[in-house]
Amino acid sequence: VDLPLLVAHGRWLLANGCDGLAPLGTTGEANSLSVDQRLRVIDGMASAGLPMGRMIVGTGSCALADTVELARAALAAGCPNVLVIPPFYYKNPSDVGLHAFYAAMIDRVKDRRLRVYLYHFPQMSTVPITPGLIEMLRASHGQEVVAGLKDSSGDWNNLKAILDAFPGFGTFTGSERFLLQTLRLGGVGTISAMANIIPG
């Protein structure tokens, strides 16, 4: 990762209309990076003085230990917000199994500042985040910690169902096409690949 270029790009985005940054997501190719590379990105952005409180850092991994390590690093760097894709190698896990993964991650990070954003991108992960899973996690770990979701499915009916079922949940659309409707139904915005080119 070219850290000086990444930092400069982050500053440019914030200066040109973005409210925050979401490094190490799909567009950032986080799943092609090693844990060490991802840790260096988190540290490099923080060391450069970027506003870590205005970020949601991608920390999801198939390995629970890696997800925990990355979430702790984000918190240590001043970013409590983590975007966590479900473990995706083994297909068709139950909501109970996914709940066990997320619950273990939250319990092992063990920091009241942690804010988890679930990452629903079934076309890439093949593992969906269901309303039932959201309910289970919010019941077991609280609405403050299980703070929201990014829906990159491109399925408006799914996104609307989540917005309707969980008012006040920090729901982002991954598709700019749905931004206005998302905001009108109480969502908080978009985490957008296109904004890297046209943030305005």
N, C-alpha and C. Protein backbone atom coordinates (compact mmCIF):
# COMPACT_ATOMS: atom_id res chain seq x y z
N VAL A 1 0.85 -1.19 0.00
CA VAL A 1 0.00 0.00 0.00
C VAL A 1 0.89 1.23 0.00
N ASP A 2 0.58 2.17 -0.88
CA ASP A 2 1.29 3.45 -0.94
C ASP A 2 0.65 4.37 0.10
N LEU A 3 1.21 4.38 1.30
CA LEU A 3 0.58 5.13 2.40
C LEU A 3 0.53 6.63 2.14
N PRO A 4 1.60 7.27 1.66
CA PRO A 4 1.48 8.71 1.39
C PRO A 4 0.37 9.03 0.40
N LEU A 5 0.22 8.21 -0.63
CA LEU A 5 -0.84 8.43 -1.61
C LEU A 5 -2.22 8.20 -0.99
N LEU A 6 -2.34 7.16 -0.16
CA LEU A 6 -3.60 6.88 0.51
C LEU A 6 -4.00 8.03 1.43
N VAL A 7 -3.04 8.54 2.20
CA VAL A 7 -3.31 9.65 3.11
C VAL A 7 -3.73 10.89 2.31
N ALA A 8 -3.02 11.17 1.23
CA ALA A 8 -3.36 12.33 0.40
C ALA A 8 -4.76 12.18 -0.18
N HIS A 9 -5.09 10.97 -0.61
CA HIS A 9 -6.42 10.72 -1.17
C HIS A 9 -7.49 10.93 -0.10
N GLY A 10 -7.23 10.43 1.12
CA GLY A 10 -8.18 10.64 2.21
C GLY A 10 -8.41 12.10 2.50
N ARG A 11 -7.34 12.88 2.52
CA ARG A 11 -7.47 14.32 2.77
C ARG A 11 -8.27 14.99 1.66
N TRP A 12 -8.02 14.56 0.42
CA TRP A 12 -8.74 15.13 -0.73
C TRP A 12 -10.23 14.82 -0.63
N LEU A 13 -10.56 13.59 -0.26
CA LEU A 13 -11.97 13.21 -0.13
C LEU A 13 -12.68 14.06 0.92
N LEU A 14 -12.03 14.25 2.07
CA LEU A 14 -12.64 15.02 3.15
C LEU A 14 -12.77 16.49 2.77
N ALA A 15 -11.85 16.99 1.94
CA ALA A 15 -11.90 18.38 1.51
C ALA A 15 -12.90 18.62 0.39
N ASN A 16 -13.40 17.55 -0.20
CA ASN A 16 -14.25 17.69 -1.38
C ASN A 16 -15.62 17.06 -1.22
N GLY A 17 -16.14 17.03 0.00
CA GLY A 17 -17.54 16.68 0.18
C GLY A 17 -17.84 15.43 0.98
N CYS A 18 -16.84 14.61 1.28
CA CYS A 18 -17.13 13.40 2.07
C CYS A 18 -17.16 13.73 3.56
N ASP A 19 -18.08 13.11 4.27
CA ASP A 19 -18.19 13.30 5.71
C ASP A 19 -17.21 12.43 6.48
N GLY A 20 -16.78 11.33 5.85
CA GLY A 20 -15.87 10.41 6.53
C GLY A 20 -15.22 9.50 5.52
N LEU A 21 -14.43 8.57 6.02
CA LEU A 21 -13.70 7.62 5.18
C LEU A 21 -13.98 6.20 5.65
N ALA A 22 -13.91 5.27 4.71
CA ALA A 22 -14.11 3.86 5.05
C ALA A 22 -12.98 3.04 4.43
N PRO A 23 -11.78 3.15 4.99
CA PRO A 23 -10.65 2.40 4.43
C PRO A 23 -10.76 0.90 4.72
N LEU A 24 -10.13 0.12 3.87
CA LEU A 24 -10.01 -1.33 4.03
C LEU A 24 -11.34 -2.05 3.87
N GLY A 25 -12.14 -1.53 2.97
CA GLY A 25 -13.35 -2.24 2.56
C GLY A 25 -13.09 -2.97 1.26
N THR A 26 -14.15 -3.20 0.50
CA THR A 26 -14.02 -3.94 -0.75
C THR A 26 -13.21 -3.16 -1.78
N THR A 27 -13.52 -1.88 -1.95
CA THR A 27 -12.77 -1.07 -2.92
C THR A 27 -11.31 -0.95 -2.51
N GLY A 28 -11.04 -0.96 -1.22
CA GLY A 28 -9.68 -0.92 -0.71
C GLY A 28 -8.97 -2.26 -0.77
N GLU A 29 -9.64 -3.28 -1.31
CA GLU A 29 -9.07 -4.61 -1.51
C GLU A 29 -8.49 -5.22 -0.23
N ALA A 30 -9.17 -4.98 0.89
CA ALA A 30 -8.64 -5.44 2.17
C ALA A 30 -8.43 -6.95 2.23
N ASN A 31 -9.29 -7.70 1.57
CA ASN A 31 -9.15 -9.16 1.65
C ASN A 31 -8.00 -9.69 0.80
N SER A 32 -7.33 -8.80 0.05
CA SER A 32 -6.12 -9.18 -0.66
C SER A 32 -4.86 -8.75 0.10
N LEU A 33 -5.06 -8.12 1.25
CA LEU A 33 -3.94 -7.63 2.06
C LEU A 33 -3.72 -8.53 3.26
N SER A 34 -2.48 -8.62 3.70
CA SER A 34 -2.17 -9.35 4.93
C SER A 34 -2.63 -8.55 6.13
N VAL A 35 -2.70 -9.20 7.27
CA VAL A 35 -3.05 -8.49 8.50
C VAL A 35 -2.02 -7.40 8.77
N ASP A 36 -0.73 -7.70 8.57
CA ASP A 36 0.30 -6.70 8.80
C ASP A 36 0.10 -5.48 7.89
N GLN A 37 -0.23 -5.70 6.63
CA GLN A 37 -0.47 -4.58 5.73
C GLN A 37 -1.67 -3.75 6.20
N ARG A 38 -2.70 -4.41 6.65
CA ARG A 38 -3.88 -3.69 7.12
C ARG A 38 -3.57 -2.90 8.40
N LEU A 39 -2.78 -3.49 9.26
CA LEU A 39 -2.37 -2.78 10.48
C LEU A 39 -1.56 -1.53 10.12
N ARG A 40 -0.69 -1.65 9.10
CA ARG A 40 0.12 -0.50 8.68
C ARG A 40 -0.75 0.60 8.08
N VAL A 41 -1.82 0.22 7.39
CA VAL A 41 -2.75 1.23 6.87
C VAL A 41 -3.41 1.98 8.03
N ILE A 42 -3.91 1.26 9.01
CA ILE A 42 -4.57 1.89 10.16
C ILE A 42 -3.60 2.83 10.87
N ASP A 43 -2.41 2.33 11.18
CA ASP A 43 -1.41 3.14 11.88
C ASP A 43 -0.97 4.33 11.03
N GLY A 44 -0.77 4.09 9.73
CA GLY A 44 -0.31 5.16 8.85
C GLY A 44 -1.31 6.29 8.73
N MET A 45 -2.59 5.97 8.65
CA MET A 45 -3.61 7.01 8.55
C MET A 45 -3.70 7.80 9.86
N ALA A 46 -3.61 7.08 10.97
CA ALA A 46 -3.65 7.76 12.27
C ALA A 46 -2.42 8.63 12.47
N SER A 47 -1.25 8.10 12.15
CA SER A 47 0.00 8.84 12.33
C SER A 47 0.05 10.10 11.47
N ALA A 48 -0.65 10.06 10.33
CA ALA A 48 -0.67 11.22 9.44
C ALA A 48 -1.66 12.29 9.90
N GLY A 49 -2.41 12.00 10.95
CA GLY A 49 -3.32 12.99 11.50
C GLY A 49 -4.69 13.03 10.87
N LEU A 50 -5.03 11.98 10.09
CA LEU A 50 -6.39 11.93 9.56
C LEU A 50 -7.38 11.73 10.71
N PRO A 51 -8.59 12.25 10.60
CA PRO A 51 -9.55 12.17 11.71
C PRO A 51 -10.12 10.76 11.86
N MET A 52 -9.53 9.97 12.71
CA MET A 52 -9.92 8.56 12.86
C MET A 52 -11.36 8.41 13.37
N GLY A 53 -11.84 9.39 14.11
CA GLY A 53 -13.21 9.34 14.59
C GLY A 53 -14.24 9.49 13.48
N ARG A 54 -13.79 9.88 12.30
CA ARG A 54 -14.69 10.04 11.15
C ARG A 54 -14.51 8.89 10.16
N MET A 55 -14.02 7.78 10.65
CA MET A 55 -13.80 6.62 9.79
C MET A 55 -14.58 5.41 10.28
N ILE A 56 -14.84 4.52 9.34
CA ILE A 56 -15.29 3.17 9.64
C ILE A 56 -14.27 2.27 8.95
N VAL A 57 -13.45 1.59 9.74
CA VAL A 57 -12.34 0.80 9.19
C VAL A 57 -12.77 -0.64 8.99
N GLY A 58 -12.49 -1.17 7.82
CA GLY A 58 -12.80 -2.57 7.54
C GLY A 58 -11.86 -3.49 8.29
N THR A 59 -12.42 -4.30 9.18
CA THR A 59 -11.62 -5.21 10.00
C THR A 59 -12.05 -6.67 9.85
N GLY A 60 -13.01 -6.93 8.99
CA GLY A 60 -13.53 -8.29 8.85
C GLY A 60 -12.53 -9.24 8.22
N SER A 61 -12.59 -10.48 8.66
CA SER A 61 -11.70 -11.53 8.16
C SER A 61 -12.35 -12.87 8.43
N CYS A 62 -11.95 -13.88 7.67
CA CYS A 62 -12.46 -15.23 7.96
C CYS A 62 -11.96 -15.73 9.31
N ALA A 63 -10.79 -15.24 9.72
CA ALA A 63 -10.21 -15.69 10.99
C ALA A 63 -10.65 -14.76 12.12
N LEU A 64 -11.27 -15.32 13.12
CA LEU A 64 -11.73 -14.54 14.27
C LEU A 64 -10.58 -13.76 14.92
N ALA A 65 -9.43 -14.42 15.11
CA ALA A 65 -8.30 -13.76 15.77
C ALA A 65 -7.83 -12.54 14.98
N ASP A 66 -7.85 -12.63 13.65
CA ASP A 66 -7.43 -11.49 12.83
C ASP A 66 -8.44 -10.35 12.94
N THR A 67 -9.71 -10.68 12.94
CA THR A 67 -10.75 -9.66 13.08
C THR A 67 -10.61 -8.93 14.41
N VAL A 68 -10.34 -9.68 15.47
CA VAL A 68 -10.15 -9.08 16.79
C VAL A 68 -8.91 -8.18 16.80
N GLU A 69 -7.81 -8.66 16.25
CA GLU A 69 -6.57 -7.87 16.24
C GLU A 69 -6.76 -6.56 15.48
N LEU A 70 -7.43 -6.62 14.34
CA LEU A 70 -7.64 -5.42 13.54
C LEU A 70 -8.60 -4.45 14.23
N ALA A 71 -9.63 -4.97 14.88
CA ALA A 71 -10.56 -4.09 15.61
C ALA A 71 -9.86 -3.41 16.77
N ARG A 72 -9.03 -4.14 17.49
CA ARG A 72 -8.26 -3.52 18.58
C ARG A 72 -7.33 -2.45 18.06
N ALA A 73 -6.71 -2.69 16.91
CA ALA A 73 -5.81 -1.70 16.32
C ALA A 73 -6.57 -0.43 15.93
N ALA A 74 -7.75 -0.61 15.36
CA ALA A 74 -8.56 0.55 15.00
C ALA A 74 -8.90 1.37 16.24
N LEU A 75 -9.32 0.70 17.30
CA LEU A 75 -9.63 1.40 18.55
C LEU A 75 -8.40 2.11 19.11
N ALA A 76 -7.27 1.45 19.10
CA ALA A 76 -6.04 2.05 19.61
C ALA A 76 -5.65 3.29 18.81
N ALA A 77 -6.03 3.30 17.53
CA ALA A 77 -5.71 4.44 16.67
C ALA A 77 -6.75 5.55 16.77
N GLY A 78 -7.79 5.34 17.58
CA GLY A 78 -8.80 6.36 17.78
C GLY A 78 -10.05 6.20 16.94
N CYS A 79 -10.20 5.02 16.31
CA CYS A 79 -11.38 4.75 15.49
C CYS A 79 -12.21 3.63 16.12
N PRO A 80 -13.35 3.96 16.72
CA PRO A 80 -14.17 2.92 17.34
C PRO A 80 -15.04 2.17 16.35
N ASN A 81 -15.16 2.69 15.12
CA ASN A 81 -16.11 2.16 14.13
C ASN A 81 -15.44 1.14 13.23
N VAL A 82 -15.97 -0.08 13.22
CA VAL A 82 -15.38 -1.14 12.40
C VAL A 82 -16.46 -1.75 11.51
N LEU A 83 -16.08 -2.00 10.25
CA LEU A 83 -16.96 -2.62 9.27
C LEU A 83 -16.53 -4.08 9.15
N VAL A 84 -17.44 -5.00 9.51
CA VAL A 84 -17.04 -6.40 9.65
C VAL A 84 -17.86 -7.30 8.72
N ILE A 85 -17.20 -7.74 7.65
CA ILE A 85 -17.81 -8.72 6.76
C ILE A 85 -17.86 -10.06 7.49
N PRO A 86 -18.87 -10.87 7.26
CA PRO A 86 -18.91 -12.16 7.96
C PRO A 86 -17.82 -13.10 7.42
N PRO A 87 -17.42 -14.08 8.20
CA PRO A 87 -16.49 -15.09 7.69
C PRO A 87 -17.14 -15.78 6.50
N PHE A 88 -16.42 -15.84 5.38
CA PHE A 88 -17.10 -16.16 4.12
C PHE A 88 -16.61 -17.41 3.41
N TYR A 89 -15.62 -18.08 3.93
CA TYR A 89 -15.11 -19.24 3.19
C TYR A 89 -16.10 -20.41 3.26
N TYR A 90 -16.61 -20.71 4.43
CA TYR A 90 -17.56 -21.81 4.58
C TYR A 90 -18.96 -21.28 4.32
N LYS A 91 -19.68 -21.91 3.40
CA LYS A 91 -20.94 -21.36 2.92
C LYS A 91 -22.13 -21.83 3.74
N ASN A 92 -23.19 -21.04 3.65
CA ASN A 92 -24.47 -21.33 4.30
C ASN A 92 -24.40 -21.49 5.81
N PRO A 93 -23.67 -20.62 6.50
CA PRO A 93 -23.70 -20.71 7.96
C PRO A 93 -25.07 -20.26 8.48
N SER A 94 -25.43 -20.77 9.63
CA SER A 94 -26.70 -20.36 10.23
C SER A 94 -26.53 -19.00 10.91
N ASP A 95 -27.66 -18.35 11.17
CA ASP A 95 -27.60 -17.11 11.95
C ASP A 95 -27.00 -17.35 13.32
N VAL A 96 -27.27 -18.52 13.89
CA VAL A 96 -26.70 -18.85 15.21
C VAL A 96 -25.17 -18.91 15.12
N GLY A 97 -24.66 -19.52 14.05
CA GLY A 97 -23.22 -19.60 13.88
C GLY A 97 -22.60 -18.23 13.65
N LEU A 98 -23.24 -17.40 12.82
CA LEU A 98 -22.73 -16.05 12.58
C LEU A 98 -22.80 -15.20 13.84
N HIS A 99 -23.87 -15.39 14.60
CA HIS A 99 -23.97 -14.68 15.88
C HIS A 99 -22.79 -15.06 16.78
N ALA A 100 -22.44 -16.33 16.80
CA ALA A 100 -21.32 -16.78 17.64
C ALA A 100 -20.03 -16.09 17.23
N PHE A 101 -19.81 -15.93 15.91
CA PHE A 101 -18.60 -15.26 15.42
C PHE A 101 -18.57 -13.80 15.87
N TYR A 102 -19.64 -13.06 15.57
CA TYR A 102 -19.67 -11.64 15.92
C TYR A 102 -19.64 -11.44 17.44
N ALA A 103 -20.36 -12.28 18.17
CA ALA A 103 -20.37 -12.16 19.63
C ALA A 103 -18.98 -12.40 20.20
N ALA A 104 -18.29 -13.41 19.70
CA ALA A 104 -16.93 -13.69 20.18
C ALA A 104 -16.00 -12.53 19.85
N MET A 105 -16.15 -11.94 18.68
CA MET A 105 -15.33 -10.80 18.31
C MET A 105 -15.54 -9.63 19.26
N ILE A 106 -16.79 -9.30 19.52
CA ILE A 106 -17.11 -8.19 20.43
C ILE A 106 -16.60 -8.49 21.84
N ASP A 107 -16.82 -9.72 22.30
CA ASP A 107 -16.41 -10.09 23.65
C ASP A 107 -14.89 -10.08 23.81
N ARG A 108 -14.17 -10.49 22.77
CA ARG A 108 -12.71 -10.53 22.86
C ARG A 108 -12.08 -9.15 22.72
N VAL A 109 -12.68 -8.28 21.91
CA VAL A 109 -12.18 -6.91 21.83
C VAL A 109 -12.38 -6.22 23.17
N LYS A 110 -13.51 -6.46 23.77
CA LYS A 110 -13.80 -6.04 25.16
C LYS A 110 -13.49 -4.56 25.38
N ASP A 111 -14.16 -3.71 24.61
CA ASP A 111 -13.96 -2.26 24.72
C ASP A 111 -15.31 -1.59 24.50
N ARG A 112 -15.76 -0.84 25.48
CA ARG A 112 -17.08 -0.21 25.41
C ARG A 112 -17.20 0.79 24.26
N ARG A 113 -16.07 1.26 23.76
CA ARG A 113 -16.11 2.24 22.66
C ARG A 113 -16.45 1.59 21.32
N LEU A 114 -16.30 0.28 21.21
CA LEU A 114 -16.46 -0.42 19.94
C LEU A 114 -17.84 -0.19 19.33
N ARG A 115 -17.86 0.12 18.03
CA ARG A 115 -19.10 0.25 17.26
C ARG A 115 -18.97 -0.62 16.02
N VAL A 116 -19.79 -1.65 15.96
CA VAL A 116 -19.70 -2.64 14.89
C VAL A 116 -20.73 -2.32 13.81
N TYR A 117 -20.24 -2.25 12.57
CA TYR A 117 -21.10 -2.11 11.40
C TYR A 117 -21.01 -3.41 10.61
N LEU A 118 -22.12 -4.10 10.50
CA LEU A 118 -22.17 -5.37 9.78
C LEU A 118 -22.11 -5.08 8.28
N TYR A 119 -21.48 -5.97 7.54
CA TYR A 119 -21.25 -5.73 6.11
C TYR A 119 -22.00 -6.79 5.30
N HIS A 120 -23.10 -6.35 4.69
CA HIS A 120 -23.96 -7.24 3.89
C HIS A 120 -23.60 -7.08 2.41
N PHE A 121 -22.86 -8.03 1.87
CA PHE A 121 -22.45 -7.99 0.47
C PHE A 121 -22.46 -9.41 -0.07
N PRO A 122 -23.67 -10.01 -0.18
CA PRO A 122 -23.76 -11.43 -0.48
C PRO A 122 -23.21 -11.82 -1.85
N GLN A 123 -23.16 -10.87 -2.80
CA GLN A 123 -22.60 -11.22 -4.11
C GLN A 123 -21.12 -11.58 -4.00
N MET A 124 -20.41 -10.96 -3.06
CA MET A 124 -18.98 -11.23 -2.89
C MET A 124 -18.72 -12.25 -1.78
N SER A 125 -19.40 -12.08 -0.65
CA SER A 125 -19.13 -12.97 0.49
C SER A 125 -19.93 -14.27 0.41
N THR A 126 -21.05 -14.25 -0.28
CA THR A 126 -22.06 -15.31 -0.34
C THR A 126 -22.67 -15.62 1.03
N VAL A 127 -22.38 -14.79 2.01
CA VAL A 127 -22.92 -14.98 3.37
C VAL A 127 -23.72 -13.72 3.72
N PRO A 128 -25.05 -13.80 3.71
CA PRO A 128 -25.85 -12.60 3.97
C PRO A 128 -25.94 -12.27 5.45
N ILE A 129 -26.20 -11.00 5.70
CA ILE A 129 -26.56 -10.53 7.04
C ILE A 129 -28.08 -10.41 7.05
N THR A 130 -28.75 -11.25 7.82
CA THR A 130 -30.21 -11.28 7.82
C THR A 130 -30.78 -10.41 8.93
N PRO A 131 -32.03 -9.98 8.79
CA PRO A 131 -32.67 -9.27 9.90
C PRO A 131 -32.65 -10.07 11.20
N GLY A 132 -32.79 -11.40 11.09
CA GLY A 132 -32.75 -12.23 12.29
C GLY A 132 -31.41 -12.14 13.00
N LEU A 133 -30.33 -12.12 12.25
CA LEU A 133 -29.00 -11.98 12.85
C LEU A 133 -28.84 -10.62 13.52
N ILE A 134 -29.31 -9.58 12.85
CA ILE A 134 -29.24 -8.23 13.43
C ILE A 134 -29.98 -8.21 14.77
N GLU A 135 -31.17 -8.78 14.78
CA GLU A 135 -31.97 -8.83 16.03
C GLU A 135 -31.22 -9.55 17.13
N MET A 136 -30.63 -10.71 16.80
CA MET A 136 -29.92 -11.50 17.80
C MET A 136 -28.73 -10.72 18.38
N LEU A 137 -27.98 -10.07 17.52
CA LEU A 137 -26.79 -9.34 17.97
C LEU A 137 -27.16 -8.12 18.81
N ARG A 138 -28.19 -7.42 18.39
CA ARG A 138 -28.60 -6.24 19.17
C ARG A 138 -29.17 -6.65 20.52
N ALA A 139 -29.83 -7.81 20.55
CA ALA A 139 -30.37 -8.30 21.82
C ALA A 139 -29.24 -8.75 22.76
N SER A 140 -28.21 -9.37 22.20
CA SER A 140 -27.15 -9.92 23.06
C SER A 140 -26.08 -8.90 23.43
N HIS A 141 -25.83 -7.91 22.53
CA HIS A 141 -24.70 -7.01 22.76
C HIS A 141 -25.06 -5.53 22.73
N GLY A 142 -26.33 -5.23 22.54
CA GLY A 142 -26.80 -3.85 22.67
C GLY A 142 -26.81 -3.07 21.36
N GLN A 143 -27.74 -2.14 21.31
CA GLN A 143 -27.92 -1.33 20.11
C GLN A 143 -26.82 -0.31 19.93
N GLU A 144 -26.11 -0.01 21.00
CA GLU A 144 -25.01 0.95 20.87
C GLU A 144 -23.80 0.30 20.23
N VAL A 145 -23.47 -0.91 20.65
CA VAL A 145 -22.30 -1.61 20.12
C VAL A 145 -22.57 -2.10 18.70
N VAL A 146 -23.70 -2.74 18.47
CA VAL A 146 -24.07 -3.19 17.12
C VAL A 146 -24.77 -2.01 16.47
N ALA A 147 -23.93 -1.14 15.88
CA ALA A 147 -24.34 0.22 15.56
C ALA A 147 -25.00 0.38 14.20
N GLY A 148 -24.71 -0.51 13.26
CA GLY A 148 -25.27 -0.30 11.94
C GLY A 148 -24.87 -1.36 10.95
N LEU A 149 -25.09 -1.04 9.67
CA LEU A 149 -24.89 -2.01 8.60
C LEU A 149 -24.61 -1.27 7.30
N LYS A 150 -23.74 -1.83 6.49
CA LYS A 150 -23.59 -1.40 5.10
C LYS A 150 -24.22 -2.46 4.22
N ASP A 151 -25.22 -2.05 3.43
CA ASP A 151 -25.89 -2.97 2.52
C ASP A 151 -25.38 -2.72 1.11
N SER A 152 -24.52 -3.60 0.64
CA SER A 152 -23.98 -3.50 -0.72
C SER A 152 -24.64 -4.50 -1.66
N SER A 153 -25.79 -5.01 -1.29
CA SER A 153 -26.45 -6.04 -2.09
C SER A 153 -26.99 -5.49 -3.40
N GLY A 154 -27.30 -4.19 -3.45
CA GLY A 154 -27.96 -3.63 -4.61
C GLY A 154 -29.44 -3.99 -4.69
N ASP A 155 -29.95 -4.58 -3.63
CA ASP A 155 -31.35 -5.03 -3.57
C ASP A 155 -32.14 -4.05 -2.72
N TRP A 156 -32.91 -3.16 -3.37
CA TRP A 156 -33.64 -2.15 -2.62
C TRP A 156 -34.62 -2.78 -1.64
N ASN A 157 -35.28 -3.86 -2.01
CA ASN A 157 -36.25 -4.48 -1.11
C ASN A 157 -35.59 -4.94 0.18
N ASN A 158 -34.39 -5.49 0.09
CA ASN A 158 -33.66 -5.91 1.29
C ASN A 158 -33.29 -4.71 2.14
N LEU A 159 -32.75 -3.68 1.50
CA LEU A 159 -32.35 -2.47 2.23
C LEU A 159 -33.55 -1.83 2.90
N LYS A 160 -34.66 -1.71 2.18
CA LYS A 160 -35.87 -1.10 2.76
C LYS A 160 -36.38 -1.92 3.94
N ALA A 161 -36.33 -3.25 3.83
CA ALA A 161 -36.79 -4.09 4.94
C ALA A 161 -35.97 -3.84 6.20
N ILE A 162 -34.66 -3.65 6.05
CA ILE A 162 -33.80 -3.37 7.21
C ILE A 162 -34.10 -1.99 7.77
N LEU A 163 -34.24 -1.00 6.88
CA LEU A 163 -34.57 0.36 7.34
C LEU A 163 -35.91 0.38 8.08
N ASP A 164 -36.89 -0.37 7.58
CA ASP A 164 -38.21 -0.41 8.22
C ASP A 164 -38.16 -1.16 9.55
N ALA A 165 -37.37 -2.24 9.60
CA ALA A 165 -37.36 -3.08 10.80
C ALA A 165 -36.54 -2.50 11.94
N PHE A 166 -35.53 -1.68 11.60
CA PHE A 166 -34.59 -1.19 12.62
C PHE A 166 -34.44 0.32 12.55
N PRO A 167 -35.47 1.07 12.95
CA PRO A 167 -35.34 2.52 12.94
C PRO A 167 -34.23 2.96 13.90
N GLY A 168 -33.45 3.92 13.46
CA GLY A 168 -32.34 4.40 14.29
C GLY A 168 -31.05 3.61 14.12
N PHE A 169 -31.12 2.49 13.41
CA PHE A 169 -29.93 1.69 13.12
C PHE A 169 -29.11 2.46 12.09
N GLY A 170 -27.79 2.49 12.25
CA GLY A 170 -26.93 3.25 11.35
C GLY A 170 -26.75 2.54 10.03
N THR A 171 -27.75 2.65 9.17
CA THR A 171 -27.73 1.90 7.92
C THR A 171 -27.19 2.75 6.77
N PHE A 172 -26.17 2.21 6.10
CA PHE A 172 -25.59 2.82 4.90
C PHE A 172 -25.97 1.97 3.69
N THR A 173 -26.21 2.63 2.57
CA THR A 173 -26.32 1.91 1.32
C THR A 173 -24.96 1.90 0.63
N GLY A 174 -24.67 0.80 -0.03
CA GLY A 174 -23.46 0.74 -0.83
C GLY A 174 -23.70 1.19 -2.25
N SER A 175 -24.95 1.48 -2.58
CA SER A 175 -25.31 1.90 -3.93
C SER A 175 -25.80 3.34 -3.91
N GLU A 176 -25.13 4.19 -4.66
CA GLU A 176 -25.52 5.61 -4.71
C GLU A 176 -26.95 5.78 -5.22
N ARG A 177 -27.43 4.81 -6.02
CA ARG A 177 -28.79 4.89 -6.55
C ARG A 177 -29.83 4.98 -5.44
N PHE A 178 -29.52 4.40 -4.29
CA PHE A 178 -30.51 4.33 -3.20
C PHE A 178 -30.26 5.36 -2.10
N LEU A 179 -29.34 6.29 -2.34
CA LEU A 179 -28.97 7.21 -1.26
C LEU A 179 -30.15 8.05 -0.78
N LEU A 180 -30.85 8.69 -1.69
CA LEU A 180 -31.95 9.56 -1.27
C LEU A 180 -33.04 8.79 -0.54
N GLN A 181 -33.42 7.63 -1.09
CA GLN A 181 -34.46 6.83 -0.42
C GLN A 181 -33.98 6.35 0.95
N THR A 182 -32.69 6.00 1.04
CA THR A 182 -32.13 5.54 2.32
C THR A 182 -32.23 6.65 3.35
N LEU A 183 -31.85 7.86 2.97
CA LEU A 183 -31.92 8.99 3.91
C LEU A 183 -33.36 9.28 4.31
N ARG A 184 -34.26 9.20 3.36
CA ARG A 184 -35.68 9.49 3.66
C ARG A 184 -36.27 8.49 4.65
N LEU A 185 -35.75 7.26 4.64
CA LEU A 185 -36.27 6.23 5.55
C LEU A 185 -35.44 6.10 6.83
N GLY A 186 -34.55 7.07 7.08
CA GLY A 186 -33.83 7.08 8.35
C GLY A 186 -32.44 6.51 8.30
N GLY A 187 -31.96 6.13 7.11
CA GLY A 187 -30.58 5.68 6.99
C GLY A 187 -29.63 6.84 7.14
N VAL A 188 -28.33 6.53 7.23
CA VAL A 188 -27.36 7.58 7.54
C VAL A 188 -26.50 8.00 6.36
N GLY A 189 -26.59 7.30 5.22
CA GLY A 189 -25.81 7.73 4.07
C GLY A 189 -25.37 6.58 3.21
N THR A 190 -24.27 6.83 2.47
CA THR A 190 -23.71 5.81 1.61
C THR A 190 -22.22 5.65 1.87
N ILE A 191 -21.74 4.45 1.81
CA ILE A 191 -20.30 4.19 1.73
C ILE A 191 -20.09 3.81 0.27
N SER A 192 -19.47 4.73 -0.48
CA SER A 192 -19.54 4.71 -1.93
C SER A 192 -18.18 4.53 -2.58
N ALA A 193 -18.09 3.57 -3.50
CA ALA A 193 -16.88 3.44 -4.31
C ALA A 193 -16.75 4.62 -5.25
N MET A 194 -17.87 5.04 -5.85
CA MET A 194 -17.86 6.13 -6.82
C MET A 194 -17.36 7.45 -6.21
N ALA A 195 -17.59 7.63 -4.91
CA ALA A 195 -17.14 8.86 -4.26
C ALA A 195 -15.63 9.03 -4.29
N ASN A 196 -14.89 7.95 -4.51
CA ASN A 196 -13.44 8.07 -4.65
C ASN A 196 -13.06 8.89 -5.88
N ILE A 197 -13.97 8.99 -6.84
CA ILE A 197 -13.71 9.74 -8.07
C ILE A 197 -14.47 11.06 -8.08
N ILE A 198 -15.74 11.01 -7.64
CA ILE A 198 -16.57 12.22 -7.64
C ILE A 198 -17.23 12.40 -6.26
N PRO A 199 -16.42 12.79 -5.26
CA PRO A 199 -16.98 12.90 -3.90
C PRO A 199 -18.09 13.93 -3.78
N GLY A 200 -18.07 14.95 -4.61
CA GLY A 200 -19.15 15.95 -4.54
C GLY A 200 -20.50 15.36 -4.86
